[in-house]
N, C-alpha and C. Protein backbone atom coordinates (compact mmCIF):
# COMPACT_ATOMS: atom_id res chain seq x y z
N MET A 1 -1.89 60.07 -8.49
CA MET A 1 -3.04 59.80 -9.33
C MET A 1 -4.21 60.64 -8.85
N THR A 2 -4.76 61.43 -9.72
CA THR A 2 -5.88 62.28 -9.37
C THR A 2 -7.11 61.85 -10.16
N ALA A 3 -8.18 61.61 -9.45
CA ALA A 3 -9.43 61.23 -10.10
C ALA A 3 -10.33 62.45 -10.18
N PRO A 4 -11.16 62.54 -11.20
CA PRO A 4 -12.07 63.67 -11.28
C PRO A 4 -13.07 63.64 -10.13
N LEU A 5 -13.50 64.82 -9.74
CA LEU A 5 -14.47 64.92 -8.65
C LEU A 5 -15.72 64.09 -8.97
N ASP A 6 -16.18 64.18 -10.19
CA ASP A 6 -17.35 63.41 -10.61
C ASP A 6 -16.90 62.14 -11.30
N TRP A 7 -16.59 61.12 -10.54
CA TRP A 7 -16.08 59.87 -11.09
C TRP A 7 -17.17 59.07 -11.80
N LEU A 8 -18.43 59.34 -11.47
CA LEU A 8 -19.56 58.68 -12.14
C LEU A 8 -20.52 59.78 -12.56
N THR A 9 -20.76 59.89 -13.85
CA THR A 9 -21.61 60.96 -14.37
C THR A 9 -22.78 60.38 -15.17
N PRO A 10 -23.84 61.16 -15.32
CA PRO A 10 -24.94 60.73 -16.18
C PRO A 10 -24.46 60.47 -17.61
N GLU A 11 -23.44 61.20 -18.05
CA GLU A 11 -22.90 60.99 -19.41
C GLU A 11 -22.28 59.60 -19.53
N ASP A 12 -21.62 59.12 -18.47
CA ASP A 12 -21.06 57.76 -18.48
C ASP A 12 -22.16 56.73 -18.69
N VAL A 13 -23.25 56.89 -17.96
CA VAL A 13 -24.36 55.94 -18.02
C VAL A 13 -25.07 56.04 -19.38
N ALA A 14 -25.29 57.26 -19.85
CA ALA A 14 -25.93 57.45 -21.16
C ALA A 14 -25.10 56.84 -22.27
N GLN A 15 -23.79 56.99 -22.18
CA GLN A 15 -22.91 56.40 -23.19
C GLN A 15 -22.99 54.87 -23.14
N TYR A 16 -23.00 54.30 -21.94
CA TYR A 16 -23.10 52.85 -21.78
C TYR A 16 -24.40 52.32 -22.40
N LEU A 17 -25.49 53.07 -22.20
CA LEU A 17 -26.80 52.67 -22.72
C LEU A 17 -27.04 53.13 -24.15
N ASP A 18 -26.12 53.92 -24.68
CA ASP A 18 -26.25 54.48 -26.04
C ASP A 18 -27.54 55.29 -26.16
N LEU A 19 -27.77 56.16 -25.16
CA LEU A 19 -28.98 57.00 -25.15
C LEU A 19 -28.78 58.24 -26.00
N PRO A 20 -29.78 58.61 -26.76
CA PRO A 20 -29.69 59.85 -27.52
C PRO A 20 -30.02 61.05 -26.63
N GLY A 21 -29.66 62.21 -27.08
CA GLY A 21 -30.05 63.44 -26.39
C GLY A 21 -29.10 63.85 -25.30
N ASP A 22 -29.53 64.85 -24.55
CA ASP A 22 -28.74 65.45 -23.49
C ASP A 22 -28.99 64.72 -22.17
N PRO A 23 -27.97 64.05 -21.62
CA PRO A 23 -28.17 63.33 -20.35
C PRO A 23 -28.60 64.25 -19.22
N ALA A 24 -28.18 65.50 -19.23
CA ALA A 24 -28.53 66.43 -18.16
C ALA A 24 -30.02 66.78 -18.15
N ALA A 25 -30.72 66.47 -19.23
CA ALA A 25 -32.15 66.78 -19.32
C ALA A 25 -33.03 65.61 -18.89
N ASP A 26 -32.43 64.49 -18.52
CA ASP A 26 -33.19 63.28 -18.17
C ASP A 26 -33.16 63.10 -16.65
N ASP A 27 -34.26 63.47 -15.99
CA ASP A 27 -34.33 63.38 -14.53
C ASP A 27 -34.11 61.97 -14.01
N ASN A 28 -34.64 60.96 -14.70
CA ASN A 28 -34.45 59.58 -14.26
C ASN A 28 -32.98 59.18 -14.33
N LEU A 29 -32.29 59.63 -15.35
CA LEU A 29 -30.87 59.33 -15.49
C LEU A 29 -30.06 60.02 -14.40
N LEU A 30 -30.39 61.26 -14.11
CA LEU A 30 -29.70 62.01 -13.05
C LEU A 30 -29.92 61.34 -11.69
N THR A 31 -31.14 60.94 -11.42
CA THR A 31 -31.47 60.31 -10.14
C THR A 31 -30.79 58.95 -10.00
N ALA A 32 -30.85 58.14 -11.04
CA ALA A 32 -30.22 56.81 -10.99
C ALA A 32 -28.72 56.93 -10.76
N THR A 33 -28.09 57.84 -11.46
CA THR A 33 -26.65 58.03 -11.33
C THR A 33 -26.29 58.51 -9.94
N ALA A 34 -27.01 59.48 -9.43
CA ALA A 34 -26.72 60.03 -8.10
C ALA A 34 -26.93 58.98 -7.00
N ALA A 35 -27.97 58.17 -7.12
CA ALA A 35 -28.25 57.15 -6.11
C ALA A 35 -27.14 56.10 -6.06
N VAL A 36 -26.71 55.64 -7.22
CA VAL A 36 -25.65 54.63 -7.26
C VAL A 36 -24.33 55.22 -6.80
N LYS A 37 -24.04 56.43 -7.23
CA LYS A 37 -22.80 57.09 -6.81
C LYS A 37 -22.74 57.20 -5.29
N ALA A 38 -23.82 57.64 -4.67
CA ALA A 38 -23.86 57.78 -3.22
C ALA A 38 -23.72 56.43 -2.52
N ALA A 39 -24.37 55.40 -3.05
CA ALA A 39 -24.29 54.07 -2.45
C ALA A 39 -22.87 53.52 -2.51
N VAL A 40 -22.21 53.67 -3.64
CA VAL A 40 -20.84 53.17 -3.79
C VAL A 40 -19.88 53.94 -2.90
N GLU A 41 -19.99 55.25 -2.90
CA GLU A 41 -19.10 56.06 -2.06
C GLU A 41 -19.31 55.76 -0.58
N GLY A 42 -20.56 55.53 -0.19
CA GLY A 42 -20.85 55.21 1.21
C GLY A 42 -20.32 53.86 1.63
N ARG A 43 -20.38 52.89 0.75
CA ARG A 43 -19.95 51.54 1.08
C ARG A 43 -18.45 51.34 0.92
N ARG A 44 -17.83 52.02 -0.02
CA ARG A 44 -16.41 51.80 -0.31
C ARG A 44 -15.55 52.94 0.24
N ALA A 45 -15.64 53.16 1.54
CA ALA A 45 -14.85 54.21 2.19
C ALA A 45 -13.35 53.95 2.05
N ASP A 46 -12.97 52.72 1.78
CA ASP A 46 -11.55 52.38 1.61
C ASP A 46 -10.95 53.01 0.36
N LEU A 47 -11.78 53.54 -0.52
CA LEU A 47 -11.28 54.14 -1.76
C LEU A 47 -11.07 55.66 -1.64
N TYR A 48 -11.25 56.19 -0.45
CA TYR A 48 -10.98 57.61 -0.20
C TYR A 48 -9.55 57.79 0.28
N ASP A 49 -8.95 58.89 -0.11
CA ASP A 49 -7.70 59.33 0.48
C ASP A 49 -7.80 60.84 0.68
N GLU A 50 -6.69 61.49 1.00
CA GLU A 50 -6.75 62.92 1.27
C GLU A 50 -7.15 63.77 0.07
N THR A 51 -7.07 63.20 -1.14
CA THR A 51 -7.43 63.97 -2.33
C THR A 51 -8.82 63.66 -2.86
N GLY A 52 -9.50 62.67 -2.29
CA GLY A 52 -10.85 62.37 -2.74
C GLY A 52 -11.12 60.89 -2.92
N PHE A 53 -12.14 60.58 -3.68
CA PHE A 53 -12.58 59.21 -3.93
C PHE A 53 -11.93 58.71 -5.22
N HIS A 54 -11.29 57.56 -5.15
CA HIS A 54 -10.55 57.04 -6.30
C HIS A 54 -10.94 55.59 -6.60
N PRO A 55 -12.02 55.39 -7.34
CA PRO A 55 -12.40 54.02 -7.69
C PRO A 55 -11.54 53.52 -8.84
N GLY A 56 -11.31 52.22 -8.85
CA GLY A 56 -10.61 51.62 -9.98
C GLY A 56 -11.58 51.40 -11.14
N ALA A 57 -11.05 50.84 -12.21
CA ALA A 57 -11.86 50.60 -13.40
C ALA A 57 -13.00 49.62 -13.13
N ASP A 58 -12.74 48.60 -12.31
CA ASP A 58 -13.79 47.63 -11.99
C ASP A 58 -14.94 48.28 -11.24
N VAL A 59 -14.60 49.10 -10.25
CA VAL A 59 -15.63 49.77 -9.45
C VAL A 59 -16.44 50.72 -10.33
N LYS A 60 -15.76 51.49 -11.15
CA LYS A 60 -16.48 52.41 -12.03
C LYS A 60 -17.36 51.64 -13.01
N GLY A 61 -16.83 50.57 -13.60
CA GLY A 61 -17.61 49.77 -14.53
C GLY A 61 -18.85 49.18 -13.88
N GLY A 62 -18.68 48.65 -12.67
CA GLY A 62 -19.83 48.10 -11.95
C GLY A 62 -20.85 49.16 -11.61
N ALA A 63 -20.38 50.35 -11.25
CA ALA A 63 -21.29 51.45 -10.92
C ALA A 63 -22.06 51.92 -12.15
N VAL A 64 -21.39 51.99 -13.28
CA VAL A 64 -22.07 52.39 -14.53
C VAL A 64 -23.14 51.36 -14.88
N MET A 65 -22.80 50.07 -14.77
CA MET A 65 -23.79 49.03 -15.06
C MET A 65 -24.97 49.11 -14.11
N TRP A 66 -24.70 49.32 -12.83
CA TRP A 66 -25.75 49.40 -11.83
C TRP A 66 -26.64 50.61 -12.09
N ALA A 67 -26.05 51.76 -12.36
CA ALA A 67 -26.84 52.95 -12.65
C ALA A 67 -27.70 52.75 -13.90
N ALA A 68 -27.17 52.05 -14.89
CA ALA A 68 -27.94 51.76 -16.11
C ALA A 68 -29.14 50.88 -15.79
N ILE A 69 -28.95 49.90 -14.93
CA ILE A 69 -30.05 49.00 -14.54
C ILE A 69 -31.10 49.78 -13.76
N VAL A 70 -30.66 50.63 -12.83
CA VAL A 70 -31.61 51.45 -12.05
C VAL A 70 -32.37 52.37 -13.00
N TYR A 71 -31.67 52.99 -13.93
CA TYR A 71 -32.31 53.87 -14.91
C TYR A 71 -33.38 53.11 -15.70
N GLN A 72 -33.04 51.94 -16.19
CA GLN A 72 -33.99 51.17 -16.99
C GLN A 72 -35.19 50.75 -16.14
N THR A 73 -34.95 50.43 -14.87
CA THR A 73 -36.04 50.06 -13.97
C THR A 73 -36.96 51.24 -13.72
N ARG A 74 -36.37 52.42 -13.54
CA ARG A 74 -37.17 53.63 -13.31
C ARG A 74 -38.01 53.98 -14.53
N ASN A 75 -37.54 53.63 -15.71
CA ASN A 75 -38.27 53.95 -16.94
C ASN A 75 -39.27 52.87 -17.33
N ALA A 76 -39.29 51.77 -16.60
CA ALA A 76 -40.21 50.68 -16.92
C ALA A 76 -41.65 51.13 -16.69
N PRO A 77 -42.59 50.64 -17.49
CA PRO A 77 -43.99 51.05 -17.35
C PRO A 77 -44.57 50.78 -15.97
N SER A 78 -44.08 49.75 -15.28
CA SER A 78 -44.63 49.42 -13.96
C SER A 78 -44.14 50.36 -12.87
N GLY A 79 -43.14 51.16 -13.17
CA GLY A 79 -42.64 52.11 -12.19
C GLY A 79 -41.52 51.54 -11.35
N PHE A 80 -41.11 52.30 -10.35
CA PHE A 80 -40.00 51.93 -9.49
C PHE A 80 -40.37 52.30 -8.07
N ALA A 81 -40.12 51.39 -7.16
CA ALA A 81 -40.49 51.64 -5.76
C ALA A 81 -39.76 52.86 -5.22
N GLY A 82 -38.46 52.96 -5.50
CA GLY A 82 -37.70 54.15 -5.14
C GLY A 82 -37.70 54.49 -3.67
N TYR A 83 -37.58 53.50 -2.79
CA TYR A 83 -37.61 53.79 -1.37
C TYR A 83 -36.40 54.55 -0.91
N GLY A 84 -35.33 54.54 -1.70
CA GLY A 84 -34.17 55.34 -1.37
C GLY A 84 -33.15 54.65 -0.50
N ASP A 85 -33.43 53.44 0.00
CA ASP A 85 -32.43 52.78 0.81
C ASP A 85 -31.61 51.82 -0.05
N GLU A 86 -30.53 51.36 0.51
CA GLU A 86 -29.61 50.51 -0.23
C GLU A 86 -30.26 49.20 -0.65
N THR A 87 -31.14 48.64 0.18
CA THR A 87 -31.80 47.38 -0.16
C THR A 87 -32.63 47.52 -1.43
N ALA A 88 -33.37 48.59 -1.56
CA ALA A 88 -34.18 48.81 -2.75
C ALA A 88 -33.28 48.96 -3.98
N LEU A 89 -32.14 49.62 -3.83
CA LEU A 89 -31.22 49.76 -4.95
C LEU A 89 -30.64 48.42 -5.36
N VAL A 90 -30.23 47.61 -4.41
CA VAL A 90 -29.64 46.31 -4.72
C VAL A 90 -30.68 45.40 -5.37
N ASP A 91 -31.92 45.49 -4.96
CA ASP A 91 -32.97 44.65 -5.53
C ASP A 91 -33.18 44.91 -7.01
N THR A 92 -32.78 46.04 -7.53
CA THR A 92 -32.94 46.32 -8.96
C THR A 92 -31.99 45.49 -9.81
N LEU A 93 -30.95 44.93 -9.21
CA LEU A 93 -29.92 44.24 -9.98
C LEU A 93 -30.37 42.90 -10.55
N GLY A 94 -31.28 42.23 -9.88
CA GLY A 94 -31.80 40.98 -10.40
C GLY A 94 -30.70 39.97 -10.69
N ALA A 95 -30.70 39.41 -11.89
CA ALA A 95 -29.78 38.36 -12.28
C ALA A 95 -28.33 38.83 -12.37
N ARG A 96 -28.11 40.12 -12.48
CA ARG A 96 -26.74 40.64 -12.62
C ARG A 96 -26.13 41.04 -11.28
N ARG A 97 -26.82 40.73 -10.20
CA ARG A 97 -26.36 41.13 -8.87
C ARG A 97 -24.94 40.67 -8.58
N SER A 98 -24.64 39.40 -8.79
CA SER A 98 -23.31 38.90 -8.44
C SER A 98 -22.22 39.55 -9.29
N GLU A 99 -22.48 39.77 -10.57
CA GLU A 99 -21.49 40.40 -11.45
C GLU A 99 -21.20 41.84 -11.00
N VAL A 100 -22.24 42.61 -10.76
CA VAL A 100 -22.06 44.01 -10.38
C VAL A 100 -21.42 44.11 -8.99
N MET A 101 -21.86 43.31 -8.05
CA MET A 101 -21.30 43.35 -6.71
C MET A 101 -19.82 42.93 -6.71
N ARG A 102 -19.46 41.98 -7.56
CA ARG A 102 -18.06 41.58 -7.69
C ARG A 102 -17.22 42.74 -8.21
N LEU A 103 -17.72 43.42 -9.25
CA LEU A 103 -16.99 44.56 -9.80
C LEU A 103 -16.84 45.69 -8.78
N LEU A 104 -17.88 45.91 -8.00
CA LEU A 104 -17.85 46.97 -7.00
C LEU A 104 -16.97 46.62 -5.80
N GLY A 105 -16.70 45.33 -5.63
CA GLY A 105 -15.89 44.92 -4.50
C GLY A 105 -16.67 44.85 -3.20
N TRP A 106 -17.99 44.67 -3.28
CA TRP A 106 -18.80 44.55 -2.09
C TRP A 106 -18.77 43.10 -1.66
N ARG A 107 -18.38 42.86 -0.46
CA ARG A 107 -18.30 41.51 0.07
C ARG A 107 -19.56 41.20 0.88
N ARG A 108 -19.91 39.93 0.86
CA ARG A 108 -21.03 39.52 1.69
C ARG A 108 -20.62 39.60 3.15
N PRO A 109 -21.52 40.02 4.02
CA PRO A 109 -21.15 40.12 5.43
C PRO A 109 -20.84 38.75 6.01
N VAL A 110 -19.91 38.72 6.92
CA VAL A 110 -19.53 37.48 7.59
C VAL A 110 -20.05 37.55 9.01
N VAL A 111 -20.70 36.47 9.45
CA VAL A 111 -21.23 36.40 10.80
C VAL A 111 -20.26 35.59 11.66
N PHE A 112 -19.89 36.16 12.79
CA PHE A 112 -18.96 35.48 13.70
C PHE A 112 -19.70 34.76 14.78
């Protein structure tokens, strides 16, 4: 099974949001997609093999939803903090946090 190098693209997010126009021309869309892609790849190292990163449909779906939420937050009139760390990204999820995190397969940390 070979996955495309760009498993999450701005076109995926634009299609999910039904955005008109060229996704490559929207800086907020490019930034939101890149931030979520990097966060998922960094956290889900178990999805790498010798041929690359291979997310399942759930992971990709959760990432598309998350990137859409980040995009909408960045476009909100109040602005976006954009600190660039994972905590700021997760805080954008709001009420959909549990749904997106479940799809992504991120588990809550366990304290021993």
